[in-house]
Amino acid sequence: MISNNFFRALAEFFTEILFAPYEAIRSIDNWWATNFFNAILFFATAGLFIYWLGQLQKFRKTNTE
């Protein structure tokens, strides 16, 4: 009985709390708003990727791991 309640609580935690931002994004009905949100995520990811590559290049030049 206790394990059943634990797994129900765990499932509720994930579905109601952790996935709430994804539900909010999914419920956007405006095409422009969703594409704007996706563009922000794309440019943030691209910027972080370029920063990461710069850090790799810096460490490669100094021969440190």
PDB file of N, CA and C in Angstrom:
ATOM      1  N   MET A   1       0.811  -1.181   0.000  1.00  0.00           N
ATOM      2  CA  MET A   1       0.000   0.000   0.000  1.00  0.00           C
ATOM      3  C   MET A   1       0.866   1.260   0.000  1.00  0.00           C
ATOM      4  N   ILE A   2       1.928   1.253   0.784  1.00  0.00           N
ATOM      5  CA  ILE A   2       2.797   2.427   0.852  1.00  0.00           C
ATOM      6  C   ILE A   2       3.519   2.635  -0.470  1.00  0.00           C
ATOM      7  N   SER A   3       3.976   1.556  -1.106  1.00  0.00           N
ATOM      8  CA  SER A   3       4.675   1.702  -2.374  1.00  0.00           C
ATOM      9  C   SER A   3       3.743   2.213  -3.463  1.00  0.00           C
ATOM     10  N   ASN A   4       2.488   1.819  -3.424  1.00  0.00           N
ATOM     11  CA  ASN A   4       1.513   2.299  -4.394  1.00  0.00           C
ATOM     12  C   ASN A   4       1.324   3.806  -4.244  1.00  0.00           C
ATOM     13  N   ASN A   5       1.216   4.284  -3.017  1.00  0.00           N
ATOM     14  CA  ASN A   5       1.069   5.717  -2.773  1.00  0.00           C
ATOM     15  C   ASN A   5       2.320   6.479  -3.187  1.00  0.00           C
ATOM     16  N   PHE A   6       3.473   5.880  -2.968  1.00  0.00           N
ATOM     17  CA  PHE A   6       4.727   6.525  -3.356  1.00  0.00           C
ATOM     18  C   PHE A   6       4.780   6.734  -4.865  1.00  0.00           C
ATOM     19  N   PHE A   7       4.438   5.707  -5.625  1.00  0.00           N
ATOM     20  CA  PHE A   7       4.503   5.832  -7.080  1.00  0.00           C
ATOM     21  C   PHE A   7       3.425   6.766  -7.615  1.00  0.00           C
ATOM     22  N   ARG A   8       2.280   6.797  -6.990  1.00  0.00           N
ATOM     23  CA  ARG A   8       1.246   7.763  -7.386  1.00  0.00           C
ATOM     24  C   ARG A   8       1.711   9.186  -7.112  1.00  0.00           C
ATOM     25  N   ALA A   9       2.337   9.394  -5.964  1.00  0.00           N
ATOM     26  CA  ALA A   9       2.853  10.722  -5.627  1.00  0.00           C
ATOM     27  C   ALA A   9       3.959  11.126  -6.585  1.00  0.00           C
ATOM     28  N   LEU A  10       4.804  10.196  -6.942  1.00  0.00           N
ATOM     29  CA  LEU A  10       5.876  10.474  -7.885  1.00  0.00           C
ATOM     30  C   LEU A  10       5.316  10.830  -9.260  1.00  0.00           C
ATOM     31  N   ALA A  11       4.315  10.102  -9.709  1.00  0.00           N
ATOM     32  CA  ALA A  11       3.686  10.389 -10.994  1.00  0.00           C
ATOM     33  C   ALA A  11       3.004  11.749 -10.972  1.00  0.00           C
ATOM     34  N   GLU A  12       2.338  12.066  -9.887  1.00  0.00           N
ATOM     35  CA  GLU A  12       1.682  13.376  -9.792  1.00  0.00           C
ATOM     36  C   GLU A  12       2.709  14.497  -9.765  1.00  0.00           C
ATOM     37  N   PHE A  13       3.825  14.287  -9.086  1.00  0.00           N
ATOM     38  CA  PHE A  13       4.881  15.293  -9.045  1.00  0.00           C
ATOM     39  C   PHE A  13       5.398  15.607 -10.446  1.00  0.00           C
ATOM     40  N   PHE A  14       5.643  14.556 -11.223  1.00  0.00           N
ATOM     41  CA  PHE A  14       6.155  14.779 -12.571  1.00  0.00           C
ATOM     42  C   PHE A  14       5.121  15.416 -13.481  1.00  0.00           C
ATOM     43  N   THR A  15       3.893  14.933 -13.452  1.00  0.00           N
ATOM     44  CA  THR A  15       2.884  15.429 -14.393  1.00  0.00           C
ATOM     45  C   THR A  15       2.357  16.798 -14.010  1.00  0.00           C
ATOM     46  N   GLU A  16       2.194  17.079 -12.739  1.00  0.00           N
ATOM     47  CA  GLU A  16       1.588  18.339 -12.328  1.00  0.00           C
ATOM     48  C   GLU A  16       2.600  19.454 -12.087  1.00  0.00           C
ATOM     49  N   ILE A  17       3.809  19.131 -11.691  1.00  0.00           N
ATOM     50  CA  ILE A  17       4.778  20.174 -11.320  1.00  0.00           C
ATOM     51  C   ILE A  17       5.881  20.321 -12.365  1.00  0.00           C
ATOM     52  N   LEU A  18       6.578  19.239 -12.661  1.00  0.00           N
ATOM     53  CA  LEU A  18       7.730  19.354 -13.553  1.00  0.00           C
ATOM     54  C   LEU A  18       7.352  19.571 -15.013  1.00  0.00           C
ATOM     55  N   PHE A  19       6.214  19.021 -15.444  1.00  0.00           N
ATOM     56  CA  PHE A  19       5.817  19.175 -16.837  1.00  0.00           C
ATOM     57  C   PHE A  19       4.893  20.358 -17.058  1.00  0.00           C
ATOM     58  N   ALA A  20       4.637  21.164 -16.055  1.00  0.00           N
ATOM     59  CA  ALA A  20       3.742  22.317 -16.186  1.00  0.00           C
ATOM     60  C   ALA A  20       4.245  23.325 -17.228  1.00  0.00           C
ATOM     61  N   PRO A  21       5.546  23.646 -17.289  1.00  0.00           N
ATOM     62  CA  PRO A  21       5.996  24.575 -18.344  1.00  0.00           C
ATOM     63  C   PRO A  21       5.777  24.024 -19.751  1.00  0.00           C
ATOM     64  N   TYR A  22       5.937  22.728 -19.925  1.00  0.00           N
ATOM     65  CA  TYR A  22       5.718  22.135 -21.243  1.00  0.00           C
ATOM     66  C   TYR A  22       4.241  22.178 -21.627  1.00  0.00           C
ATOM     67  N   GLU A  23       3.373  22.014 -20.648  1.00  0.00           N
ATOM     68  CA  GLU A  23       1.943  22.133 -20.920  1.00  0.00           C
ATOM     69  C   GLU A  23       1.581  23.556 -21.313  1.00  0.00           C
ATOM     70  N   ALA A  24       2.219  24.543 -20.685  1.00  0.00           N
ATOM     71  CA  ALA A  24       1.960  25.937 -21.028  1.00  0.00           C
ATOM     72  C   ALA A  24       2.428  26.238 -22.451  1.00  0.00           C
ATOM     73  N   ILE A  25       3.565  25.707 -22.831  1.00  0.00           N
ATOM     74  CA  ILE A  25       4.066  25.910 -24.189  1.00  0.00           C
ATOM     75  C   ILE A  25       3.159  25.206 -25.197  1.00  0.00           C
ATOM     76  N   ARG A  26       2.700  24.030 -24.851  1.00  0.00           N
ATOM     77  CA  ARG A  26       1.860  23.262 -25.756  1.00  0.00           C
ATOM     78  C   ARG A  26       0.501  23.916 -25.961  1.00  0.00           C
ATOM     79  N   SER A  27       0.038  24.670 -24.972  1.00  0.00           N
ATOM     80  CA  SER A  27      -1.290  25.265 -25.067  1.00  0.00           C
ATOM     81  C   SER A  27      -1.308  26.590 -25.817  1.00  0.00           C
ATOM     82  N   ILE A  28      -0.150  27.074 -26.275  1.00  0.00           N
ATOM     83  CA  ILE A  28      -0.118  28.323 -27.055  1.00  0.00           C
ATOM     84  C   ILE A  28      -0.748  28.050 -28.410  1.00  0.00           C
ATOM     85  N   ASP A  29      -1.783  28.826 -28.744  1.00  0.00           N
ATOM     86  CA  ASP A  29      -2.493  28.614 -30.001  1.00  0.00           C
ATOM     87  C   ASP A  29      -2.011  29.528 -31.119  1.00  0.00           C
ATOM     88  N   ASN A  30      -1.288  30.562 -30.777  1.00  0.00           N
ATOM     89  CA  ASN A  30      -0.840  31.516 -31.776  1.00  0.00           C
ATOM     90  C   ASN A  30       0.417  30.996 -32.471  1.00  0.00           C
ATOM     91  N   TRP A  31       0.362  30.914 -33.807  1.00  0.00           N
ATOM     92  CA  TRP A  31       1.483  30.385 -34.579  1.00  0.00           C
ATOM     93  C   TRP A  31       2.715  31.261 -34.439  1.00  0.00           C
ATOM     94  N   TRP A  32       2.531  32.586 -34.432  1.00  0.00           N
ATOM     95  CA  TRP A  32       3.661  33.507 -34.322  1.00  0.00           C
ATOM     96  C   TRP A  32       4.325  33.404 -32.958  1.00  0.00           C
ATOM     97  N   ALA A  33       3.556  33.252 -31.928  1.00  0.00           N
ATOM     98  CA  ALA A  33       4.116  33.147 -30.575  1.00  0.00           C
ATOM     99  C   ALA A  33       4.940  31.877 -30.421  1.00  0.00           C
ATOM    100  N   THR A  34       4.443  30.775 -30.952  1.00  0.00           N
ATOM    101  CA  THR A  34       5.203  29.531 -30.827  1.00  0.00           C
ATOM    102  C   THR A  34       6.490  29.592 -31.651  1.00  0.00           C
ATOM    103  N   ASN A  35       6.431  30.181 -32.827  1.00  0.00           N
ATOM    104  CA  ASN A  35       7.648  30.297 -33.630  1.00  0.00           C
ATOM    105  C   ASN A  35       8.643  31.263 -33.005  1.00  0.00           C
ATOM    106  N   PHE A  36       8.161  32.332 -32.387  1.00  0.00           N
ATOM    107  CA  PHE A  36       9.051  33.254 -31.693  1.00  0.00           C
ATOM    108  C   PHE A  36       9.740  32.544 -30.527  1.00  0.00           C
ATOM    109  N   PHE A  37       8.983  31.759 -29.781  1.00  0.00           N
ATOM    110  CA  PHE A  37       9.554  31.000 -28.670  1.00  0.00           C
ATOM    111  C   PHE A  37      10.604  30.012 -29.173  1.00  0.00           C
ATOM    112  N   ASN A  38      10.324  29.330 -30.266  1.00  0.00           N
ATOM    113  CA  ASN A  38      11.287  28.387 -30.837  1.00  0.00           C
ATOM    114  C   ASN A  38      12.532  29.096 -31.342  1.00  0.00           C
ATOM    115  N   ALA A  39      12.374  30.294 -31.904  1.00  0.00           N
ATOM    116  CA  ALA A  39      13.529  31.054 -32.375  1.00  0.00           C
ATOM    117  C   ALA A  39      14.418  31.462 -31.200  1.00  0.00           C
ATOM    118  N   ILE A  40      13.796  31.869 -30.096  1.00  0.00           N
ATOM    119  CA  ILE A  40      14.581  32.226 -28.899  1.00  0.00           C
ATOM    120  C   ILE A  40      15.379  31.021 -28.421  1.00  0.00           C
ATOM    121  N   LEU A  41      14.737  29.872 -28.353  1.00  0.00           N
ATOM    122  CA  LEU A  41      15.448  28.665 -27.919  1.00  0.00           C
ATOM    123  C   LEU A  41      16.572  28.300 -28.885  1.00  0.00           C
ATOM    124  N   PHE A  42      16.327  28.453 -30.185  1.00  0.00           N
ATOM    125  CA  PHE A  42      17.347  28.133 -31.181  1.00  0.00           C
ATOM    126  C   PHE A  42      18.563  29.036 -31.033  1.00  0.00           C
ATOM    127  N   PHE A  43      18.327  30.352 -30.913  1.00  0.00           N
ATOM    128  CA  PHE A  43      19.462  31.279 -30.815  1.00  0.00           C
ATOM    129  C   PHE A  43      20.200  31.131 -29.491  1.00  0.00           C
ATOM    130  N   ALA A  44      19.511  30.817 -28.422  1.00  0.00           N
ATOM    131  CA  ALA A  44      20.188  30.577 -27.150  1.00  0.00           C
ATOM    132  C   ALA A  44      21.066  29.338 -27.248  1.00  0.00           C
ATOM    133  N   THR A  45      20.543  28.280 -27.860  1.00  0.00           N
ATOM    134  CA  THR A  45      21.322  27.050 -28.021  1.00  0.00           C
ATOM    135  C   THR A  45      22.514  27.272 -28.938  1.00  0.00           C
ATOM    136  N   ALA A  46      22.307  27.995 -30.034  1.00  0.00           N
ATOM    137  CA  ALA A  46      23.406  28.270 -30.962  1.00  0.00           C
ATOM    138  C   ALA A  46      24.493  29.102 -30.282  1.00  0.00           C
ATOM    139  N   GLY A  47      24.093  30.098 -29.492  1.00  0.00           N
ATOM    140  CA  GLY A  47      25.067  30.908 -28.774  1.00  0.00           C
ATOM    141  C   GLY A  47      25.863  30.105 -27.766  1.00  0.00           C
ATOM    142  N   LEU A  48      25.194  29.243 -27.042  1.00  0.00           N
ATOM    143  CA  LEU A  48      25.900  28.392 -26.078  1.00  0.00           C
ATOM    144  C   LEU A  48      26.824  27.406 -26.772  1.00  0.00           C
ATOM    145  N   PHE A  49      26.418  26.908 -27.928  1.00  0.00           N
ATOM    146  CA  PHE A  49      27.256  25.989 -28.682  1.00  0.00           C
ATOM    147  C   PHE A  49      28.523  26.693 -29.183  1.00  0.00           C
ATOM    148  N   ILE A  50      28.378  27.915 -29.655  1.00  0.00           N
ATOM    149  CA  ILE A  50      29.536  28.683 -30.120  1.00  0.00           C
ATOM    150  C   ILE A  50      30.466  28.995 -28.950  1.00  0.00           C
ATOM    151  N   TYR A  51      29.900  29.340 -27.798  1.00  0.00           N
ATOM    152  CA  TYR A  51      30.713  29.574 -26.613  1.00  0.00           C
ATOM    153  C   TYR A  51      31.480  28.312 -26.224  1.00  0.00           C
ATOM    154  N   TRP A  52      30.805  27.162 -26.261  1.00  0.00           N
ATOM    155  CA  TRP A  52      31.440  25.891 -25.909  1.00  0.00           C
ATOM    156  C   TRP A  52      32.589  25.577 -26.863  1.00  0.00           C
ATOM    157  N   LEU A  53      32.371  25.795 -28.153  1.00  0.00           N
ATOM    158  CA  LEU A  53      33.439  25.549 -29.114  1.00  0.00           C
ATOM    159  C   LEU A  53      34.623  26.485 -28.882  1.00  0.00           C
ATOM    160  N   GLY A  54      34.364  27.718 -28.501  1.00  0.00           N
ATOM    161  CA  GLY A  54      35.446  28.643 -28.168  1.00  0.00           C
ATOM    162  C   GLY A  54      36.238  28.186 -26.964  1.00  0.00           C
ATOM    163  N   GLN A  55      35.549  27.663 -25.957  1.00  0.00           N
ATOM    164  CA  GLN A  55      36.250  27.148 -24.785  1.00  0.00           C
ATOM    165  C   GLN A  55      37.081  25.918 -25.140  1.00  0.00           C
ATOM    166  N   LEU A  56      36.564  25.053 -25.992  1.00  0.00           N
ATOM    167  CA  LEU A  56      37.341  23.896 -26.429  1.00  0.00           C
ATOM    168  C   LEU A  56      38.592  24.319 -27.169  1.00  0.00           C
ATOM    169  N   GLN A  57      38.456  25.337 -28.012  1.00  0.00           N
ATOM    170  CA  GLN A  57      39.610  25.833 -28.767  1.00  0.00           C
ATOM    171  C   GLN A  57      40.644  26.440 -27.820  1.00  0.00           C
ATOM    172  N   LYS A  58      40.200  27.155 -26.802  1.00  0.00           N
ATOM    173  CA  LYS A  58      41.116  27.748 -25.836  1.00  0.00           C
ATOM    174  C   LYS A  58      41.898  26.677 -25.084  1.00  0.00           C
ATOM    175  N   PHE A  59      41.210  25.631 -24.656  1.00  0.00           N
ATOM    176  CA  PHE A  59      41.897  24.568 -23.926  1.00  0.00           C
ATOM    177  C   PHE A  59      42.786  23.740 -24.850  1.00  0.00           C
ATOM    178  N   ARG A  60      42.443  23.633 -26.112  1.00  0.00           N
ATOM    179  CA  ARG A  60      43.266  22.909 -27.054  1.00  0.00           C
ATOM    180  C   ARG A  60      44.582  23.648 -27.307  1.00  0.00           C
ATOM    181  N   LYS A  61      44.523  24.980 -27.338  1.00  0.00           N
ATOM    182  CA  LYS A  61      45.749  25.773 -27.563  1.00  0.00           C
ATOM    183  C   LYS A  61      46.705  25.678 -26.377  1.00  0.00           C
ATOM    184  N   THR A  62      46.189  25.548 -25.155  1.00  0.00           N
ATOM    185  CA  THR A  62      47.043  25.477 -23.975  1.00  0.00           C
ATOM    186  C   THR A  62      47.407  24.051 -23.596  1.00  0.00           C
ATOM    187  N   ASN A  63      46.912  23.071 -24.349  1.00  0.00           N
ATOM    188  CA  ASN A  63      47.185  21.651 -24.094  1.00  0.00           C
ATOM    189  C   ASN A  63      46.793  21.221 -22.688  1.00  0.00           C
ATOM    190  N   THR A  64      45.668  21.702 -22.206  1.00  0.00           N
ATOM    191  CA  THR A  64      45.147  21.247 -20.919  1.00  0.00           C
ATOM    192  C   THR A  64      43.887  20.444 -21.161  1.00  0.00           C
ATOM    193  N   GLU A  65      43.597  19.564 -20.234  1.00  0.00           N
ATOM    194  CA  GLU A  65      42.422  18.701 -20.388  1.00  0.00           C
ATOM    195  C   GLU A  65      41.287  19.241 -19.574  1.00  0.00           C
TER     196      GLU A  65
END
